[in-house]
C-alpha cells in the first residue's frame, strides 16, 4: 500500500503503484463499441494508462483532454483513458470533445482491473506510463 494525496488529504492505494516503464500485468477492458481491449492488443507499443473514476468530474475530463493533446506527439505510444463509465458515456464525451488521439476504455465489466494493476484505491485518478504487458491473453 502506498500513500498518495488528494486535495492535500492522504489516501492509500490497493498496493504499490507500478513504476514508470515497468511491465504491465495483463488486463481486459471494454471499448466504446463494446468489444474487448486486451493488453496484448497493444503489444510492442509504450502504453500510458490514464486511470480515473469518471468523465463526469471536471478534473478527470480535463486530464483526458490533456492526454489527448499530448498523445498526438508521442511516437510508438498508445494512451488508454480508463474509467468505470459506461462505454456509451465515454464515446459521447470523446465525440463531443473531439478526442481522437487516445483509446477510451471502460473497466465497468472488469472489477479486478484496479486491484490487478494496483493503480489506485478505486476513487482517485492515477496516471502511469508503463511498458508492454507481461503476458498475452
N, C-alpha and C. Protein backbone atom coordinates (compact mmCIF):
# COMPACT_ATOMS: atom_id res chain seq x y z
N UNK A 1 0.84 -1.17 0.00
CA UNK A 1 0.00 0.00 0.00
C UNK A 1 0.89 1.24 0.00
N UNK A 2 0.52 2.18 -0.86
CA UNK A 2 1.26 3.44 -0.91
C UNK A 2 0.32 4.57 -0.56
N UNK A 3 0.93 5.66 -0.12
CA UNK A 3 0.14 6.83 0.22
C UNK A 3 0.28 7.86 -0.88
N UNK A 4 -0.85 8.35 -1.38
CA UNK A 4 -0.89 9.45 -2.32
C UNK A 4 -1.76 10.52 -1.69
N UNK A 5 -1.81 11.70 -2.27
CA UNK A 5 -2.65 12.75 -1.69
C UNK A 5 -3.74 13.16 -2.67
N UNK A 6 -4.86 13.55 -2.12
CA UNK A 6 -5.97 14.08 -2.89
C UNK A 6 -6.42 15.34 -2.18
N UNK A 7 -6.20 16.49 -2.84
CA UNK A 7 -6.50 17.79 -2.24
C UNK A 7 -5.84 17.94 -0.87
N UNK A 8 -4.61 17.44 -0.77
CA UNK A 8 -3.85 17.56 0.46
C UNK A 8 -4.16 16.50 1.50
N UNK A 9 -5.13 15.64 1.25
CA UNK A 9 -5.50 14.61 2.20
C UNK A 9 -4.86 13.28 1.79
N UNK A 10 -4.13 12.63 2.70
CA UNK A 10 -3.52 11.35 2.35
C UNK A 10 -4.58 10.26 2.12
N UNK A 11 -4.39 9.47 1.07
CA UNK A 11 -5.22 8.30 0.79
C UNK A 11 -4.27 7.15 0.43
N UNK A 12 -4.75 5.93 0.59
CA UNK A 12 -3.92 4.76 0.32
C UNK A 12 -4.36 4.04 -0.94
N UNK A 13 -3.40 3.47 -1.65
CA UNK A 13 -3.68 2.69 -2.84
C UNK A 13 -3.91 1.23 -2.44
N UNK A 14 -4.37 0.42 -3.39
CA UNK A 14 -4.53 -1.02 -3.14
C UNK A 14 -3.20 -1.70 -2.89
N UNK A 15 -2.18 -1.22 -3.51
CA UNK A 15 -0.85 -1.82 -3.38
C UNK A 15 0.17 -0.82 -3.87
N UNK A 16 1.32 -1.31 -4.28
CA UNK A 16 2.35 -0.41 -4.78
C UNK A 16 1.98 0.05 -6.18
N UNK A 17 2.19 1.33 -6.45
CA UNK A 17 1.95 1.86 -7.78
C UNK A 17 2.97 1.28 -8.75
N UNK A 18 2.56 0.99 -9.98
CA UNK A 18 3.54 0.49 -10.95
C UNK A 18 4.59 1.56 -11.21
N UNK A 19 5.80 1.15 -11.38
CA UNK A 19 6.88 2.08 -11.68
C UNK A 19 6.78 2.50 -13.14
N UNK A 20 7.15 3.74 -13.41
CA UNK A 20 7.19 4.22 -14.79
C UNK A 20 8.14 3.33 -15.57
N UNK A 21 7.69 2.83 -16.71
CA UNK A 21 8.50 1.95 -17.54
C UNK A 21 8.40 0.48 -17.17
N UNK A 22 7.66 0.14 -16.12
CA UNK A 22 7.53 -1.25 -15.72
C UNK A 22 6.58 -2.00 -16.65
N UNK A 23 6.65 -3.32 -16.59
CA UNK A 23 5.80 -4.15 -17.41
C UNK A 23 4.42 -4.27 -16.76
N UNK A 24 3.39 -4.06 -17.56
CA UNK A 24 2.02 -4.10 -17.03
C UNK A 24 1.51 -5.53 -16.93
N UNK A 25 0.76 -5.82 -15.88
CA UNK A 25 0.07 -7.11 -15.86
C UNK A 25 -1.01 -7.09 -16.94
N UNK A 26 -1.39 -8.25 -17.39
CA UNK A 26 -2.41 -8.32 -18.43
C UNK A 26 -3.73 -7.75 -17.91
N UNK A 27 -4.50 -7.16 -18.81
CA UNK A 27 -5.81 -6.61 -18.43
C UNK A 27 -6.77 -6.75 -19.60
N UNK A 28 -8.04 -6.67 -19.28
CA UNK A 28 -9.10 -6.66 -20.28
C UNK A 28 -10.03 -5.51 -19.93
N UNK A 29 -10.31 -4.67 -20.92
CA UNK A 29 -11.22 -3.54 -20.74
C UNK A 29 -12.24 -3.57 -21.88
N UNK A 30 -13.22 -2.70 -21.82
CA UNK A 30 -14.26 -2.65 -22.85
C UNK A 30 -14.14 -1.35 -23.64
N UNK A 31 -14.07 -1.49 -24.96
CA UNK A 31 -14.01 -0.33 -25.85
C UNK A 31 -15.41 0.28 -26.01
N UNK A 32 -15.46 1.44 -26.64
CA UNK A 32 -16.75 2.13 -26.82
C UNK A 32 -17.71 1.36 -27.72
N UNK A 33 -17.18 0.47 -28.58
CA UNK A 33 -18.07 -0.34 -29.43
C UNK A 33 -18.43 -1.67 -28.77
N UNK A 34 -18.11 -1.80 -27.48
CA UNK A 34 -18.38 -2.96 -26.63
C UNK A 34 -17.49 -4.18 -26.93
N UNK A 35 -16.49 -4.03 -27.80
CA UNK A 35 -15.52 -5.10 -27.98
C UNK A 35 -14.50 -5.02 -26.86
N UNK A 36 -13.80 -6.11 -26.64
CA UNK A 36 -12.81 -6.14 -25.57
C UNK A 36 -11.48 -5.56 -26.05
N UNK A 37 -10.81 -4.86 -25.17
CA UNK A 37 -9.45 -4.39 -25.40
C UNK A 37 -8.56 -5.20 -24.47
N UNK A 38 -7.72 -6.03 -25.05
CA UNK A 38 -6.81 -6.86 -24.28
C UNK A 38 -5.43 -6.20 -24.27
N UNK A 39 -4.70 -6.45 -23.22
CA UNK A 39 -3.35 -5.88 -23.12
C UNK A 39 -2.51 -6.26 -24.33
N UNK A 40 -2.65 -7.48 -24.83
CA UNK A 40 -1.80 -7.89 -25.96
C UNK A 40 -2.17 -7.18 -27.26
N UNK A 41 -3.33 -6.52 -27.31
CA UNK A 41 -3.68 -5.72 -28.50
C UNK A 41 -2.71 -4.55 -28.67
N UNK A 42 -2.03 -4.19 -27.61
CA UNK A 42 -1.13 -3.03 -27.62
C UNK A 42 0.33 -3.44 -27.61
N UNK A 43 0.58 -4.72 -27.83
CA UNK A 43 1.93 -5.27 -27.78
C UNK A 43 2.88 -4.50 -28.71
N UNK A 44 4.08 -4.24 -28.20
CA UNK A 44 5.11 -3.56 -28.98
C UNK A 44 5.04 -2.05 -28.91
N UNK A 45 4.08 -1.52 -28.18
CA UNK A 45 3.93 -0.07 -28.04
C UNK A 45 4.12 0.31 -26.58
N UNK A 46 4.54 1.53 -26.35
CA UNK A 46 4.51 2.07 -24.99
C UNK A 46 3.05 2.36 -24.68
N UNK A 47 2.66 2.12 -23.47
CA UNK A 47 1.27 2.34 -23.06
C UNK A 47 1.25 3.35 -21.93
N UNK A 48 0.42 4.37 -22.07
CA UNK A 48 0.17 5.31 -20.99
C UNK A 48 -1.26 5.06 -20.55
N UNK A 49 -1.41 4.67 -19.29
CA UNK A 49 -2.74 4.45 -18.74
C UNK A 49 -3.12 5.68 -17.92
N UNK A 50 -4.17 6.35 -18.34
CA UNK A 50 -4.73 7.46 -17.58
C UNK A 50 -5.97 6.88 -16.90
N UNK A 51 -5.88 6.61 -15.62
CA UNK A 51 -6.94 5.91 -14.88
C UNK A 51 -7.61 6.90 -13.94
N UNK A 52 -8.93 6.97 -14.04
CA UNK A 52 -9.69 7.95 -13.26
C UNK A 52 -11.08 7.40 -13.02
N UNK A 53 -11.81 7.94 -12.04
CA UNK A 53 -13.13 7.40 -11.70
C UNK A 53 -14.20 7.64 -12.77
N UNK A 54 -14.34 8.89 -13.25
CA UNK A 54 -15.45 9.19 -14.16
C UNK A 54 -15.19 10.45 -14.95
N UNK A 55 -15.66 10.43 -16.20
CA UNK A 55 -15.57 11.62 -17.04
C UNK A 55 -16.53 12.71 -16.59
N UNK A 56 -17.42 12.39 -15.68
CA UNK A 56 -18.39 13.37 -15.18
C UNK A 56 -17.82 14.28 -14.10
N UNK A 57 -16.52 14.23 -13.88
CA UNK A 57 -15.88 15.16 -12.96
C UNK A 57 -14.96 16.07 -13.78
N UNK A 58 -14.87 17.30 -13.40
CA UNK A 58 -14.10 18.25 -14.20
C UNK A 58 -12.61 17.91 -14.25
N UNK A 59 -12.05 17.45 -13.13
CA UNK A 59 -10.63 17.12 -13.10
C UNK A 59 -10.33 15.95 -14.04
N UNK A 60 -11.18 14.93 -14.00
CA UNK A 60 -10.97 13.76 -14.86
C UNK A 60 -11.15 14.11 -16.33
N UNK A 61 -12.16 14.87 -16.63
CA UNK A 61 -12.40 15.29 -18.02
C UNK A 61 -11.22 16.12 -18.53
N UNK A 62 -10.69 16.98 -17.69
CA UNK A 62 -9.54 17.80 -18.06
C UNK A 62 -8.32 16.92 -18.33
N UNK A 63 -8.13 15.89 -17.52
CA UNK A 63 -6.97 15.00 -17.73
C UNK A 63 -7.08 14.29 -19.08
N UNK A 64 -8.28 13.88 -19.47
CA UNK A 64 -8.45 13.21 -20.76
C UNK A 64 -8.18 14.19 -21.91
N UNK A 65 -8.66 15.41 -21.78
CA UNK A 65 -8.38 16.41 -22.82
C UNK A 65 -6.87 16.63 -22.96
N UNK A 66 -6.17 16.74 -21.83
CA UNK A 66 -4.72 16.99 -21.84
C UNK A 66 -3.97 15.80 -22.44
N UNK A 67 -4.33 14.58 -22.02
CA UNK A 67 -3.67 13.40 -22.58
C UNK A 67 -3.94 13.28 -24.07
N UNK A 68 -5.12 13.67 -24.53
CA UNK A 68 -5.43 13.65 -25.96
C UNK A 68 -4.47 14.56 -26.72
N UNK A 69 -4.22 15.75 -26.18
CA UNK A 69 -3.28 16.68 -26.81
C UNK A 69 -1.87 16.10 -26.84
N UNK A 70 -1.44 15.56 -25.71
CA UNK A 70 -0.08 15.03 -25.61
C UNK A 70 0.11 13.78 -26.46
N UNK A 71 -0.92 12.96 -26.58
CA UNK A 71 -0.81 11.70 -27.31
C UNK A 71 -0.49 11.92 -28.78
N UNK A 72 -0.92 13.03 -29.32
CA UNK A 72 -0.69 13.31 -30.74
C UNK A 72 0.80 13.42 -31.07
N UNK A 73 1.62 13.76 -30.08
CA UNK A 73 3.04 13.97 -30.33
C UNK A 73 3.93 12.82 -29.85
N UNK A 74 3.34 11.74 -29.36
CA UNK A 74 4.13 10.63 -28.82
C UNK A 74 4.30 9.52 -29.86
N UNK A 75 5.55 9.18 -30.16
CA UNK A 75 5.82 8.10 -31.11
C UNK A 75 5.66 6.75 -30.42
N UNK A 76 5.14 5.78 -31.16
CA UNK A 76 5.01 4.40 -30.70
C UNK A 76 4.37 4.30 -29.32
N UNK A 77 3.40 5.16 -29.06
CA UNK A 77 2.76 5.21 -27.75
C UNK A 77 1.25 5.24 -27.92
N UNK A 78 0.58 4.46 -27.10
CA UNK A 78 -0.87 4.47 -27.07
C UNK A 78 -1.32 4.93 -25.69
N UNK A 79 -2.16 5.93 -25.66
CA UNK A 79 -2.74 6.41 -24.41
C UNK A 79 -4.12 5.75 -24.28
N UNK A 80 -4.34 5.11 -23.13
CA UNK A 80 -5.64 4.49 -22.84
C UNK A 80 -6.23 5.22 -21.64
N UNK A 81 -7.39 5.83 -21.87
CA UNK A 81 -8.11 6.53 -20.80
C UNK A 81 -9.10 5.54 -20.19
N UNK A 82 -8.89 5.18 -18.94
CA UNK A 82 -9.67 4.12 -18.30
C UNK A 82 -10.53 4.69 -17.17
N UNK A 83 -11.83 4.40 -17.24
CA UNK A 83 -12.73 4.77 -16.15
C UNK A 83 -13.78 3.69 -15.99
N UNK A 84 -14.63 3.85 -14.99
CA UNK A 84 -15.74 2.92 -14.79
C UNK A 84 -17.00 3.41 -15.51
N UNK A 85 -16.89 4.51 -16.26
CA UNK A 85 -18.03 4.99 -17.03
C UNK A 85 -18.45 3.93 -18.04
N UNK A 86 -19.73 3.93 -18.38
CA UNK A 86 -20.18 3.04 -19.44
C UNK A 86 -19.56 3.46 -20.76
N UNK A 87 -19.28 2.51 -21.64
CA UNK A 87 -18.66 2.84 -22.92
C UNK A 87 -19.45 3.88 -23.73
N UNK A 88 -20.76 3.87 -23.63
CA UNK A 88 -21.58 4.84 -24.36
C UNK A 88 -21.31 6.26 -23.87
N UNK A 89 -21.14 6.42 -22.56
CA UNK A 89 -20.83 7.73 -22.00
C UNK A 89 -19.44 8.19 -22.44
N UNK A 90 -18.49 7.27 -22.45
CA UNK A 90 -17.14 7.61 -22.91
C UNK A 90 -17.16 8.03 -24.38
N UNK A 91 -17.88 7.29 -25.18
CA UNK A 91 -17.98 7.61 -26.60
C UNK A 91 -18.60 8.98 -26.83
N UNK A 92 -19.66 9.26 -26.10
CA UNK A 92 -20.33 10.57 -26.21
C UNK A 92 -19.37 11.69 -25.83
N UNK A 93 -18.63 11.51 -24.73
CA UNK A 93 -17.67 12.52 -24.29
C UNK A 93 -16.60 12.74 -25.36
N UNK A 94 -16.03 11.66 -25.86
CA UNK A 94 -14.95 11.77 -26.85
C UNK A 94 -15.44 12.43 -28.14
N UNK A 95 -16.64 12.10 -28.56
CA UNK A 95 -17.20 12.72 -29.77
C UNK A 95 -17.43 14.21 -29.55
N UNK A 96 -18.06 14.56 -28.44
CA UNK A 96 -18.36 15.95 -28.12
C UNK A 96 -17.09 16.79 -27.98
N UNK A 97 -16.06 16.20 -27.36
CA UNK A 97 -14.82 16.93 -27.08
C UNK A 97 -13.79 16.82 -28.20
N UNK A 98 -14.07 16.05 -29.24
CA UNK A 98 -13.11 15.88 -30.33
C UNK A 98 -11.88 15.07 -29.93
N UNK A 99 -12.06 14.13 -29.02
CA UNK A 99 -10.96 13.29 -28.54
C UNK A 99 -10.72 12.19 -29.56
N UNK A 100 -9.54 12.22 -30.22
CA UNK A 100 -9.26 11.25 -31.29
C UNK A 100 -7.90 10.57 -31.16
N UNK A 101 -7.08 11.02 -30.20
CA UNK A 101 -5.70 10.53 -30.13
C UNK A 101 -5.47 9.50 -29.04
N UNK A 102 -6.53 9.00 -28.44
CA UNK A 102 -6.37 8.00 -27.40
C UNK A 102 -7.50 6.99 -27.49
N UNK A 103 -7.36 5.93 -26.74
CA UNK A 103 -8.41 4.90 -26.66
C UNK A 103 -9.13 5.09 -25.34
N UNK A 104 -10.44 5.30 -25.41
CA UNK A 104 -11.25 5.34 -24.19
C UNK A 104 -11.68 3.90 -23.91
N UNK A 105 -11.44 3.43 -22.70
CA UNK A 105 -11.77 2.06 -22.34
C UNK A 105 -12.41 2.03 -20.96
N UNK A 106 -13.42 1.19 -20.83
CA UNK A 106 -14.15 1.11 -19.58
C UNK A 106 -13.79 -0.14 -18.78
N UNK A 107 -13.71 0.04 -17.48
CA UNK A 107 -13.48 -1.09 -16.57
C UNK A 107 -14.80 -1.53 -15.93
N UNK A 108 -15.93 -1.15 -16.52
CA UNK A 108 -17.22 -1.46 -15.90
C UNK A 108 -17.49 -2.96 -15.84
N UNK A 109 -16.89 -3.74 -16.74
CA UNK A 109 -17.02 -5.20 -16.69
C UNK A 109 -15.78 -5.86 -16.12
N UNK A 110 -14.87 -5.07 -15.60
CA UNK A 110 -13.59 -5.59 -15.11
C UNK A 110 -13.32 -5.11 -13.69
N UNK A 111 -14.06 -5.63 -12.73
CA UNK A 111 -13.87 -5.14 -11.35
C UNK A 111 -12.47 -5.42 -10.80
N UNK A 112 -11.77 -6.35 -11.41
CA UNK A 112 -10.42 -6.70 -10.94
C UNK A 112 -9.35 -5.75 -11.46
N UNK A 113 -9.72 -4.87 -12.40
CA UNK A 113 -8.72 -4.02 -13.06
C UNK A 113 -7.87 -3.22 -12.07
N UNK A 114 -8.50 -2.48 -11.18
CA UNK A 114 -7.74 -1.63 -10.24
C UNK A 114 -6.84 -2.44 -9.34
N UNK A 115 -7.35 -3.56 -8.85
CA UNK A 115 -6.53 -4.38 -7.97
C UNK A 115 -5.41 -5.05 -8.74
N UNK A 116 -5.69 -5.49 -9.95
CA UNK A 116 -4.68 -6.20 -10.75
C UNK A 116 -3.52 -5.28 -11.08
N UNK A 117 -3.82 -4.06 -11.44
CA UNK A 117 -2.76 -3.11 -11.74
C UNK A 117 -2.28 -2.37 -10.50
N UNK A 118 -2.98 -2.58 -9.39
CA UNK A 118 -2.65 -1.90 -8.13
C UNK A 118 -2.41 -0.43 -8.37
N UNK A 119 -3.37 0.15 -9.11
CA UNK A 119 -3.15 1.50 -9.63
C UNK A 119 -3.90 2.58 -8.88
N UNK A 120 -4.64 2.25 -7.90
CA UNK A 120 -5.36 3.29 -7.18
C UNK A 120 -6.24 2.68 -6.12
N UNK A 121 -7.04 3.49 -5.52
CA UNK A 121 -7.93 2.98 -4.49
C UNK A 121 -9.36 2.90 -5.01
N UNK A 122 -9.54 3.02 -6.32
CA UNK A 122 -10.86 2.93 -6.91
C UNK A 122 -11.60 4.25 -6.94
N UNK A 123 -11.04 5.27 -6.28
CA UNK A 123 -11.74 6.55 -6.22
C UNK A 123 -10.88 7.71 -6.71
N UNK A 124 -9.59 7.55 -6.76
CA UNK A 124 -8.72 8.67 -7.09
C UNK A 124 -8.02 8.43 -8.42
N UNK A 125 -7.81 9.50 -9.23
CA UNK A 125 -7.15 9.32 -10.51
C UNK A 125 -5.66 9.03 -10.35
N UNK A 126 -5.16 8.19 -11.21
CA UNK A 126 -3.75 7.85 -11.22
C UNK A 126 -3.33 7.71 -12.67
N UNK A 127 -2.18 8.24 -13.03
CA UNK A 127 -1.67 8.05 -14.39
C UNK A 127 -0.26 7.50 -14.29
N UNK A 128 0.03 6.52 -15.11
CA UNK A 128 1.35 5.92 -15.14
C UNK A 128 1.69 5.56 -16.57
N UNK A 129 2.97 5.71 -16.91
CA UNK A 129 3.46 5.23 -18.19
C UNK A 129 4.10 3.88 -17.91
N UNK A 130 3.58 2.85 -18.53
CA UNK A 130 4.11 1.52 -18.30
C UNK A 130 4.43 0.88 -19.63
N UNK A 131 5.18 -0.18 -19.59
CA UNK A 131 5.60 -0.85 -20.80
C UNK A 131 4.63 -1.91 -21.25
N UNK A 132 5.09 -2.79 -22.11
CA UNK A 132 4.22 -3.84 -22.63
C UNK A 132 3.70 -4.74 -21.51
N UNK A 133 2.63 -5.44 -21.82
CA UNK A 133 2.03 -6.34 -20.84
C UNK A 133 2.92 -7.54 -20.59
N UNK A 134 2.75 -8.13 -19.43
CA UNK A 134 3.61 -9.21 -19.01
C UNK A 134 3.35 -10.50 -19.75
N UNK A 135 2.13 -10.71 -20.24
CA UNK A 135 1.86 -11.93 -20.99
C UNK A 135 0.65 -11.71 -21.86
N UNK A 136 0.48 -12.55 -22.84
CA UNK A 136 -0.69 -12.47 -23.71
C UNK A 136 -1.94 -12.89 -22.99
N UNK A 137 -3.06 -12.76 -23.66
CA UNK A 137 -4.35 -13.13 -23.06
C UNK A 137 -4.85 -14.40 -23.68
